[in-house]
Amino acid sequence: MPPDRRDASKRTEKHECSLARGESKSAAACARPAIEADNAPMSSPSTLVLFDGDLPSLVAASLARDEAGQTGSAAVLPTPPHRGAADALGPTLRAAAEAIGLDVLESRLAPSSTPTSAAARTAALLAAARAAADHGDRRLVSPWMALDAEPNADRAPGDQPTVETLARELDRAVLVARLIMLDATDAASFAIDTPLADLSDAQVADLAVDLDVPVWRCWWWSITGGKRSKNPELAEKAQSCRTRWVRALQSVGWEESTEQLAAAR
């Protein structure tokens, strides 16, 4: 693991989550995977990955796949990244999940991009957690980055979230997981992992390279290549995602391969 990622994880130790004080063992266990992602296994016997087809979700799914090979099973919960293109992007998300080697759970979640407002992030995470619990999964993996909850003007690939933003994102995961356990009819535990929450774009890109993630399977790849979208809003979002992640990938030495270039045509 890159030293800078370890340093980023250590920053979260400065945040002493008040939720951990006086809580039951099961509640504290929900906090640990999110806060101590380097030391705790990300996947449980049954894991569902929130999957919007962007690079962070492909990285999180790849991590879950590798962990599931040793501890259990994993699948993805597709959430198309744009409300106006759910049908069109459905096959793209399925192809991306299959390229990673994970099954796809049929999803009734509303299509959306990674929410930026606090209320929207809470609502979206709660909906995904309920879908995972209803499916019988004990763990939900969220690929969300705390950086996406902050203004992104002039963001560099190496920029990291503030401690305050990161603490809020970790607390949200703990609280939503506790809500799911309160509603459960049995004593089974439920946890939400946030393995990428504290990382910069460059650190996520570095993981993508290490895990050999099929970048050309990101939802925006073909739209910004030869297969242009007729939806201006979708095309603009796709270009924004491509600019962000290609910049981050190139910052860690990534280069487009012949296969990737062919996939864009």
C-alpha atoms as a PDB file:
ATOM      1  CA  MET A   1       0.000   0.000   0.000  1.00  0.00           C
ATOM      2  CA  PRO A   2       1.360   3.441  -0.890  1.00  0.00           C
ATOM      3  CA  PRO A   3       2.746   5.350   2.112  1.00  0.00           C
ATOM      4  CA  ASP A   4       0.502   8.328   1.371  1.00  0.00           C
ATOM      5  CA  ARG A   5      -2.614   6.144   1.684  1.00  0.00           C
ATOM      6  CA  ARG A   6      -1.444   4.913   5.082  1.00  0.00           C
ATOM      7  CA  ASP A   7      -0.876   8.507   6.116  1.00  0.00           C
ATOM      8  CA  ALA A   8      -4.381   9.402   4.979  1.00  0.00           C
ATOM      9  CA  SER A   9      -5.871   6.573   7.026  1.00  0.00           C
ATOM     10  CA  LYS A  10      -3.945   7.677  10.101  1.00  0.00           C
ATOM     11  CA  ARG A  11      -5.550  11.109   9.844  1.00  0.00           C
ATOM     12  CA  THR A  12      -8.905   9.553  10.627  1.00  0.00           C
ATOM     13  CA  GLU A  13      -7.604   8.395  14.003  1.00  0.00           C
ATOM     14  CA  LYS A  14      -7.685  12.031  15.105  1.00  0.00           C
ATOM     15  CA  HIS A  15     -11.445  11.869  14.944  1.00  0.00           C
ATOM     16  CA  GLU A  16     -12.832  10.168  18.062  1.00  0.00           C
ATOM     17  CA  CYS A  17     -16.343   9.279  17.025  1.00  0.00           C
ATOM     18  CA  SER A  18     -18.700   9.884  19.911  1.00  0.00           C
ATOM     19  CA  LEU A  19     -20.830   7.024  18.670  1.00  0.00           C
ATOM     20  CA  ALA A  20     -18.200   4.529  19.828  1.00  0.00           C
ATOM     21  CA  ARG A  21     -18.547   5.633  23.442  1.00  0.00           C
ATOM     22  CA  GLY A  22     -20.887   3.451  25.426  1.00  0.00           C
ATOM     23  CA  GLU A  23     -22.129   1.555  22.404  1.00  0.00           C
ATOM     24  CA  SER A  24     -22.674  -2.159  22.107  1.00  0.00           C
ATOM     25  CA  LYS A  25     -19.975  -4.346  20.633  1.00  0.00           C
ATOM     26  CA  SER A  26     -21.946  -4.815  17.437  1.00  0.00           C
ATOM     27  CA  ALA A  27     -22.302  -1.067  16.917  1.00  0.00           C
ATOM     28  CA  ALA A  28     -18.590  -0.469  17.437  1.00  0.00           C
ATOM     29  CA  ALA A  29     -17.855  -3.214  14.933  1.00  0.00           C
ATOM     30  CA  CYS A  30     -19.752  -1.234  12.297  1.00  0.00           C
ATOM     31  CA  ALA A  31     -17.440   1.732  12.784  1.00  0.00           C
ATOM     32  CA  ARG A  32     -14.195  -0.193  12.586  1.00  0.00           C
ATOM     33  CA  PRO A  33     -14.262  -1.258   8.929  1.00  0.00           C
ATOM     34  CA  ALA A  34     -14.821   2.336   7.844  1.00  0.00           C
ATOM     35  CA  ILE A  35     -12.248   3.896  10.159  1.00  0.00           C
ATOM     36  CA  GLU A  36      -9.632   1.145  10.143  1.00  0.00           C
ATOM     37  CA  ALA A  37      -9.943   0.053   6.527  1.00  0.00           C
ATOM     38  CA  ASP A  38      -6.275  -0.926   6.322  1.00  0.00           C
ATOM     39  CA  ASN A  39      -6.532  -3.432   9.166  1.00  0.00           C
ATOM     40  CA  ALA A  40     -10.048  -4.865   8.919  1.00  0.00           C
ATOM     41  CA  PRO A  41     -11.319  -7.199   6.179  1.00  0.00           C
ATOM     42  CA  MET A  42     -13.629  -5.350   3.833  1.00  0.00           C
ATOM     43  CA  SER A  43     -15.796  -8.289   2.855  1.00  0.00           C
ATOM     44  CA  SER A  44     -18.065 -10.462   4.995  1.00  0.00           C
ATOM     45  CA  PRO A  45     -19.667 -13.809   4.052  1.00  0.00           C
ATOM     46  CA  SER A  46     -22.188 -11.765   2.043  1.00  0.00           C
ATOM     47  CA  THR A  47     -21.264  -8.352   0.657  1.00  0.00           C
ATOM     48  CA  LEU A  48     -22.990  -5.929  -1.678  1.00  0.00           C
ATOM     49  CA  VAL A  49     -21.093  -3.120  -3.437  1.00  0.00           C
ATOM     50  CA  LEU A  50     -22.807   0.150  -4.342  1.00  0.00           C
ATOM     51  CA  PHE A  51     -21.911   0.437  -8.020  1.00  0.00           C
ATOM     52  CA  ASP A  52     -22.433   3.459 -10.292  1.00  0.00           C
ATOM     53  CA  GLY A  53     -19.833   2.517 -12.903  1.00  0.00           C
ATOM     54  CA  ASP A  54     -17.405   5.326 -12.070  1.00  0.00           C
ATOM     55  CA  LEU A  55     -13.774   4.527 -11.279  1.00  0.00           C
ATOM     56  CA  PRO A  56     -14.156   4.494  -7.455  1.00  0.00           C
ATOM     57  CA  SER A  57     -16.956   1.918  -7.689  1.00  0.00           C
ATOM     58  CA  LEU A  58     -14.847  -0.307  -9.955  1.00  0.00           C
ATOM     59  CA  VAL A  59     -11.989  -0.071  -7.452  1.00  0.00           C
ATOM     60  CA  ALA A  60     -14.261  -0.849  -4.486  1.00  0.00           C
ATOM     61  CA  ALA A  61     -15.814  -3.779  -6.368  1.00  0.00           C
ATOM     62  CA  SER A  62     -12.361  -5.145  -7.213  1.00  0.00           C
ATOM     63  CA  LEU A  63     -11.332  -4.946  -3.556  1.00  0.00           C
ATOM     64  CA  ALA A  64     -14.535  -6.712  -2.488  1.00  0.00           C
ATOM     65  CA  ARG A  65     -14.007  -9.402  -5.117  1.00  0.00           C
ATOM     66  CA  ASP A  66     -10.503 -10.129  -3.856  1.00  0.00           C
ATOM     67  CA  GLU A  67     -11.674 -10.286  -0.245  1.00  0.00           C
ATOM     68  CA  ALA A  68     -14.694 -12.436  -1.130  1.00  0.00           C
ATOM     69  CA  GLY A  69     -12.407 -15.002  -2.681  1.00  0.00           C
ATOM     70  CA  GLN A  70     -11.201 -15.796   0.823  1.00  0.00           C
ATOM     71  CA  THR A  71     -14.170 -15.032   3.089  1.00  0.00           C
ATOM     72  CA  GLY A  72     -17.454 -15.347   1.202  1.00  0.00           C
ATOM     73  CA  SER A  73     -19.395 -13.892  -1.703  1.00  0.00           C
ATOM     74  CA  ALA A  74     -19.871 -10.444  -3.203  1.00  0.00           C
ATOM     75  CA  ALA A  75     -22.147  -8.812  -5.778  1.00  0.00           C
ATOM     76  CA  VAL A  76     -22.841  -5.290  -7.002  1.00  0.00           C
ATOM     77  CA  LEU A  77     -25.908  -3.107  -6.562  1.00  0.00           C
ATOM     78  CA  PRO A  78     -26.129  -0.968  -9.723  1.00  0.00           C
ATOM     79  CA  THR A  79     -27.100   2.692  -9.412  1.00  0.00           C
ATOM     80  CA  PRO A  80     -26.977   4.347 -12.869  1.00  0.00           C
ATOM     81  CA  PRO A  81     -25.151   7.679 -12.532  1.00  0.00           C
ATOM     82  CA  HIS A  82     -27.719   9.779 -14.362  1.00  0.00           C
ATOM     83  CA  ARG A  83     -31.483   9.988 -13.966  1.00  0.00           C
ATOM     84  CA  GLY A  84     -32.131  10.419 -17.678  1.00  0.00           C
ATOM     85  CA  ALA A  85     -30.149   7.409 -18.868  1.00  0.00           C
ATOM     86  CA  ALA A  86     -30.949   4.490 -16.553  1.00  0.00           C
ATOM     87  CA  ASP A  87     -32.019   2.170 -19.373  1.00  0.00           C
ATOM     88  CA  ALA A  88     -29.126   3.132 -21.621  1.00  0.00           C
ATOM     89  CA  LEU A  89     -26.472   2.766 -18.932  1.00  0.00           C
ATOM     90  CA  GLY A  90     -27.841  -0.430 -17.387  1.00  0.00           C
ATOM     91  CA  PRO A  91     -25.980  -2.725 -19.820  1.00  0.00           C
ATOM     92  CA  THR A  92     -22.821  -0.633 -19.355  1.00  0.00           C
ATOM     93  CA  LEU A  93     -22.874  -1.152 -15.592  1.00  0.00           C
ATOM     94  CA  ARG A  94     -23.587  -4.851 -16.016  1.00  0.00           C
ATOM     95  CA  ALA A  95     -20.654  -5.229 -18.429  1.00  0.00           C
ATOM     96  CA  ALA A  96     -18.368  -3.411 -15.989  1.00  0.00           C
ATOM     97  CA  ALA A  97     -19.384  -5.690 -13.107  1.00  0.00           C
ATOM     98  CA  GLU A  98     -18.916  -8.787 -15.240  1.00  0.00           C
ATOM     99  CA  ALA A  99     -15.463  -7.574 -16.303  1.00  0.00           C
ATOM    100  CA  ILE A 100     -14.504  -7.439 -12.628  1.00  0.00           C
ATOM    101  CA  GLY A 101     -16.049 -10.852 -12.013  1.00  0.00           C
ATOM    102  CA  LEU A 102     -19.031 -10.019  -9.810  1.00  0.00           C
ATOM    103  CA  ASP A 103     -22.729 -10.788 -10.149  1.00  0.00           C
ATOM    104  CA  VAL A 104     -25.268  -7.986 -10.500  1.00  0.00           C
ATOM    105  CA  LEU A 105     -28.235  -7.645  -8.179  1.00  0.00           C
ATOM    106  CA  GLU A 106     -31.314  -6.286  -9.887  1.00  0.00           C
ATOM    107  CA  SER A 107     -31.755  -2.818  -8.424  1.00  0.00           C
ATOM    108  CA  ARG A 108     -34.795  -0.640  -7.855  1.00  0.00           C
ATOM    109  CA  LEU A 109     -32.728   2.247  -6.553  1.00  0.00           C
ATOM    110  CA  ALA A 110     -33.326   5.587  -8.217  1.00  0.00           C
ATOM    111  CA  PRO A 111     -30.589   6.468 -10.730  1.00  0.00           C
ATOM    112  CA  SER A 112     -28.331   9.232  -9.494  1.00  0.00           C
ATOM    113  CA  SER A 113     -24.767  10.409  -9.420  1.00  0.00           C
ATOM    114  CA  THR A 114     -22.792  10.371  -6.188  1.00  0.00           C
ATOM    115  CA  PRO A 115     -24.838  12.764  -4.022  1.00  0.00           C
ATOM    116  CA  THR A 116     -23.120  15.945  -2.926  1.00  0.00           C
ATOM    117  CA  SER A 117     -25.544  17.352  -0.339  1.00  0.00           C
ATOM    118  CA  ALA A 118     -25.522  15.845   3.147  1.00  0.00           C
ATOM    119  CA  ALA A 119     -29.233  15.015   3.099  1.00  0.00           C
ATOM    120  CA  ALA A 120     -29.000  13.365  -0.321  1.00  0.00           C
ATOM    121  CA  ARG A 121     -25.994  11.280   0.719  1.00  0.00           C
ATOM    122  CA  THR A 122     -27.803  10.067   3.827  1.00  0.00           C
ATOM    123  CA  ALA A 123     -30.968   9.188   1.901  1.00  0.00           C
ATOM    124  CA  ALA A 124     -29.067   7.395  -0.866  1.00  0.00           C
ATOM    125  CA  LEU A 125     -26.890   5.425   1.553  1.00  0.00           C
ATOM    126  CA  LEU A 126     -29.910   4.409   3.627  1.00  0.00           C
ATOM    127  CA  ALA A 127     -31.771   3.209   0.517  1.00  0.00           C
ATOM    128  CA  ALA A 128     -28.755   1.160  -0.576  1.00  0.00           C
ATOM    129  CA  ALA A 129     -28.288  -0.292   2.905  1.00  0.00           C
ATOM    130  CA  ARG A 130     -31.937  -1.338   3.056  1.00  0.00           C
ATOM    131  CA  ALA A 131     -31.611  -3.002  -0.346  1.00  0.00           C
ATOM    132  CA  ALA A 132     -28.545  -4.900   0.882  1.00  0.00           C
ATOM    133  CA  ALA A 133     -30.277  -5.987   4.101  1.00  0.00           C
ATOM    134  CA  ASP A 134     -33.409  -7.051   2.217  1.00  0.00           C
ATOM    135  CA  HIS A 135     -31.193  -9.164  -0.012  1.00  0.00           C
ATOM    136  CA  GLY A 136     -29.740 -10.849   3.059  1.00  0.00           C
ATOM    137  CA  ASP A 137     -26.325  -9.220   2.898  1.00  0.00           C
ATOM    138  CA  ARG A 138     -24.429  -8.411   6.086  1.00  0.00           C
ATOM    139  CA  ARG A 139     -22.237  -5.712   4.608  1.00  0.00           C
ATOM    140  CA  LEU A 140     -22.561  -2.847   2.158  1.00  0.00           C
ATOM    141  CA  VAL A 141     -19.459  -1.393   0.522  1.00  0.00           C
ATOM    142  CA  SER A 142     -19.797   2.255  -0.424  1.00  0.00           C
ATOM    143  CA  PRO A 143     -17.250   3.607  -2.918  1.00  0.00           C
ATOM    144  CA  TRP A 144     -18.023   7.195  -2.007  1.00  0.00           C
ATOM    145  CA  MET A 145     -15.146   9.542  -1.362  1.00  0.00           C
ATOM    146  CA  ALA A 146     -15.351  12.276   1.250  1.00  0.00           C
ATOM    147  CA  LEU A 147     -13.830  14.634  -1.319  1.00  0.00           C
ATOM    148  CA  ASP A 148     -17.079  14.493  -3.290  1.00  0.00           C
ATOM    149  CA  ALA A 149     -18.870  16.144  -0.374  1.00  0.00           C
ATOM    150  CA  GLU A 150     -16.618  19.182  -0.733  1.00  0.00           C
ATOM    151  CA  PRO A 151     -16.433  21.932  -3.399  1.00  0.00           C
ATOM    152  CA  ASN A 152     -14.327  20.621  -6.278  1.00  0.00           C
ATOM    153  CA  ALA A 153     -13.082  23.850  -7.820  1.00  0.00           C
ATOM    154  CA  ASP A 154      -9.397  23.607  -8.781  1.00  0.00           C
ATOM    155  CA  ARG A 155      -9.018  20.233  -7.096  1.00  0.00           C
ATOM    156  CA  ALA A 156      -5.653  18.554  -7.673  1.00  0.00           C
ATOM    157  CA  PRO A 157      -5.250  14.747  -7.862  1.00  0.00           C
ATOM    158  CA  GLY A 158      -3.360  14.728  -4.573  1.00  0.00           C
ATOM    159  CA  ASP A 159      -5.893  16.759  -2.579  1.00  0.00           C
ATOM    160  CA  GLN A 160      -7.466  14.994   0.395  1.00  0.00           C
ATOM    161  CA  PRO A 161     -10.654  15.734   2.339  1.00  0.00           C
ATOM    162  CA  THR A 162     -10.625  17.767   5.509  1.00  0.00           C
ATOM    163  CA  VAL A 163     -10.768  15.917   8.807  1.00  0.00           C
ATOM    164  CA  GLU A 164     -14.207  17.426   9.459  1.00  0.00           C
ATOM    165  CA  THR A 165     -15.648  16.194   6.166  1.00  0.00           C
ATOM    166  CA  LEU A 166     -14.126  12.749   6.592  1.00  0.00           C
ATOM    167  CA  ALA A 167     -15.463  12.457  10.148  1.00  0.00           C
ATOM    168  CA  ARG A 168     -18.956  13.343   8.955  1.00  0.00           C
ATOM    169  CA  GLU A 169     -18.826  10.693   6.223  1.00  0.00           C
ATOM    170  CA  LEU A 170     -17.639   7.992   8.626  1.00  0.00           C
ATOM    171  CA  ASP A 171     -20.313   8.932  11.148  1.00  0.00           C
ATOM    172  CA  ARG A 172     -22.967   8.723   8.421  1.00  0.00           C
ATOM    173  CA  ALA A 173     -21.928   5.145   7.595  1.00  0.00           C
ATOM    174  CA  VAL A 174     -22.021   4.131  11.270  1.00  0.00           C
ATOM    175  CA  LEU A 175     -25.435   5.692  11.897  1.00  0.00           C
ATOM    176  CA  VAL A 176     -27.062   4.249   8.786  1.00  0.00           C
ATOM    177  CA  ALA A 177     -25.731   0.794   9.657  1.00  0.00           C
ATOM    178  CA  ARG A 178     -27.187   1.131  13.153  1.00  0.00           C
ATOM    179  CA  LEU A 179     -30.574   2.092  11.708  1.00  0.00           C
ATOM    180  CA  ILE A 180     -30.548  -1.060   9.605  1.00  0.00           C
ATOM    181  CA  MET A 181     -29.755  -3.163  12.681  1.00  0.00           C
ATOM    182  CA  LEU A 182     -32.560  -1.492  14.644  1.00  0.00           C
ATOM    183  CA  ASP A 183     -35.034  -2.515  11.945  1.00  0.00           C
ATOM    184  CA  ALA A 184     -33.687  -6.051  11.631  1.00  0.00           C
ATOM    185  CA  THR A 185     -35.900  -8.896  12.795  1.00  0.00           C
ATOM    186  CA  ASP A 186     -32.935 -10.997  13.888  1.00  0.00           C
ATOM    187  CA  ALA A 187     -29.719 -10.345  15.771  1.00  0.00           C
ATOM    188  CA  ALA A 188     -27.533 -10.333  12.656  1.00  0.00           C
ATOM    189  CA  SER A 189     -24.966  -7.559  12.416  1.00  0.00           C
ATOM    190  CA  PHE A 190     -24.787  -5.115   9.523  1.00  0.00           C
ATOM    191  CA  ALA A 191     -21.870  -2.895   8.536  1.00  0.00           C
ATOM    192  CA  ILE A 192     -21.100  -0.287   5.927  1.00  0.00           C
ATOM    193  CA  ASP A 193     -17.538  -0.141   4.643  1.00  0.00           C
ATOM    194  CA  THR A 194     -16.132   3.078   3.191  1.00  0.00           C
ATOM    195  CA  PRO A 195     -12.714   1.918   1.922  1.00  0.00           C
ATOM    196  CA  LEU A 196     -12.089   4.976  -0.261  1.00  0.00           C
ATOM    197  CA  ALA A 197     -13.523   7.683   1.993  1.00  0.00           C
ATOM    198  CA  ASP A 198     -10.209   9.179   3.092  1.00  0.00           C
ATOM    199  CA  LEU A 199      -8.361   8.893  -0.224  1.00  0.00           C
ATOM    200  CA  SER A 200      -7.367  11.453  -2.834  1.00  0.00           C
ATOM    201  CA  ASP A 201      -8.080  10.998  -6.537  1.00  0.00           C
ATOM    202  CA  ALA A 202      -4.450  10.002  -7.092  1.00  0.00           C
ATOM    203  CA  GLN A 203      -4.644   7.341  -4.371  1.00  0.00           C
ATOM    204  CA  VAL A 204      -7.793   5.853  -5.894  1.00  0.00           C
ATOM    205  CA  ALA A 205      -6.092   5.886  -9.300  1.00  0.00           C
ATOM    206  CA  ASP A 206      -3.047   4.167  -7.818  1.00  0.00           C
ATOM    207  CA  LEU A 207      -5.285   1.425  -6.428  1.00  0.00           C
ATOM    208  CA  ALA A 208      -6.956   1.083  -9.832  1.00  0.00           C
ATOM    209  CA  VAL A 209      -3.571   0.503 -11.454  1.00  0.00           C
ATOM    210  CA  ASP A 210      -2.461  -1.963  -8.763  1.00  0.00           C
ATOM    211  CA  LEU A 211      -5.718  -3.928  -9.061  1.00  0.00           C
ATOM    212  CA  ASP A 212      -5.619  -3.841 -12.877  1.00  0.00           C
ATOM    213  CA  VAL A 213      -9.096  -2.312 -12.939  1.00  0.00           C
ATOM    214  CA  PRO A 214     -10.595  -2.205 -16.482  1.00  0.00           C
ATOM    215  CA  VAL A 215     -10.760   1.576 -16.715  1.00  0.00           C
ATOM    216  CA  TRP A 216     -12.351   1.413 -20.177  1.00  0.00           C
ATOM    217  CA  ARG A 217     -15.389  -0.204 -18.522  1.00  0.00           C
ATOM    218  CA  CYS A 218     -16.207   2.993 -16.627  1.00  0.00           C
ATOM    219  CA  TRP A 219     -19.615   4.271 -17.690  1.00  0.00           C
ATOM    220  CA  TRP A 220     -18.207   7.463 -19.168  1.00  0.00           C
ATOM    221  CA  TRP A 221     -15.473   5.874 -21.302  1.00  0.00           C
ATOM    222  CA  SER A 222     -17.387   5.116 -24.497  1.00  0.00           C
ATOM    223  CA  ILE A 223     -19.536   8.245 -24.203  1.00  0.00           C
ATOM    224  CA  THR A 224     -16.448  10.442 -24.296  1.00  0.00           C
ATOM    225  CA  GLY A 225     -14.896   8.316 -27.065  1.00  0.00           C
ATOM    226  CA  GLY A 226     -16.542   7.293 -30.296  1.00  0.00           C
ATOM    227  CA  LYS A 227     -20.079   6.673 -28.986  1.00  0.00           C
ATOM    228  CA  ARG A 228     -21.285  10.156 -28.184  1.00  0.00           C
ATOM    229  CA  SER A 229     -24.425  10.612 -26.149  1.00  0.00           C
ATOM    230  CA  LYS A 230     -27.353  12.565 -27.592  1.00  0.00           C
ATOM    231  CA  ASN A 231     -28.123  13.754 -24.054  1.00  0.00           C
ATOM    232  CA  PRO A 232     -26.127  16.996 -23.553  1.00  0.00           C
ATOM    233  CA  GLU A 233     -26.302  16.799 -19.756  1.00  0.00           C
ATOM    234  CA  LEU A 234     -25.094  13.204 -19.745  1.00  0.00           C
ATOM    235  CA  ALA A 235     -22.313  14.001 -22.211  1.00  0.00           C
ATOM    236  CA  GLU A 236     -21.155  16.908 -20.051  1.00  0.00           C
ATOM    237  CA  LYS A 237     -21.108  14.753 -16.934  1.00  0.00           C
ATOM    238  CA  ALA A 238     -19.251  11.995 -18.765  1.00  0.00           C
ATOM    239  CA  GLN A 239     -16.574  14.417 -19.950  1.00  0.00           C
ATOM    240  CA  SER A 240     -16.185  15.823 -16.449  1.00  0.00           C
ATOM    241  CA  CYS A 241     -15.665  12.319 -15.026  1.00  0.00           C
ATOM    242  CA  ARG A 242     -13.202  11.396 -17.744  1.00  0.00           C
ATOM    243  CA  THR A 243     -11.178  14.577 -17.257  1.00  0.00           C
ATOM    244  CA  ARG A 244     -11.013  14.004 -13.503  1.00  0.00           C
ATOM    245  CA  TRP A 245      -9.977  10.355 -13.593  1.00  0.00           C
ATOM    246  CA  VAL A 246      -7.677  10.355 -16.600  1.00  0.00           C
ATOM    247  CA  ARG A 247      -5.817  13.231 -14.952  1.00  0.00           C
ATOM    248  CA  ALA A 248      -5.538  11.262 -11.709  1.00  0.00           C
ATOM    249  CA  LEU A 249      -4.502   8.073 -13.501  1.00  0.00           C
ATOM    250  CA  GLN A 250      -1.844   9.837 -15.514  1.00  0.00           C
ATOM    251  CA  SER A 251      -0.475  11.353 -12.312  1.00  0.00           C
ATOM    252  CA  VAL A 252       0.445   7.827 -11.158  1.00  0.00           C
ATOM    253  CA  GLY A 253       1.985   6.782 -14.478  1.00  0.00           C
ATOM    254  CA  TRP A 254      -1.016   5.182 -16.215  1.00  0.00           C
ATOM    255  CA  GLU A 255      -1.187   5.175 -20.001  1.00  0.00           C
ATOM    256  CA  GLU A 256      -4.037   4.211 -22.307  1.00  0.00           C
ATOM    257  CA  SER A 257      -3.538   0.778 -23.854  1.00  0.00           C
ATOM    258  CA  THR A 258      -4.483  -0.332 -27.346  1.00  0.00           C
ATOM    259  CA  GLU A 259      -7.413  -2.273 -25.880  1.00  0.00           C
ATOM    260  CA  GLN A 260      -8.669   0.806 -24.075  1.00  0.00           C
ATOM    261  CA  LEU A 261      -8.423   2.965 -27.168  1.00  0.00           C
ATOM    262  CA  ALA A 262     -10.293   0.364 -29.203  1.00  0.00           C
ATOM    263  CA  ALA A 263     -13.083   0.212 -26.600  1.00  0.00           C
ATOM    264  CA  ALA A 264     -13.758   3.920 -27.064  1.00  0.00           C
ATOM    265  CA  ARG A 265     -14.429   3.562 -30.786  1.00  0.00           C
END
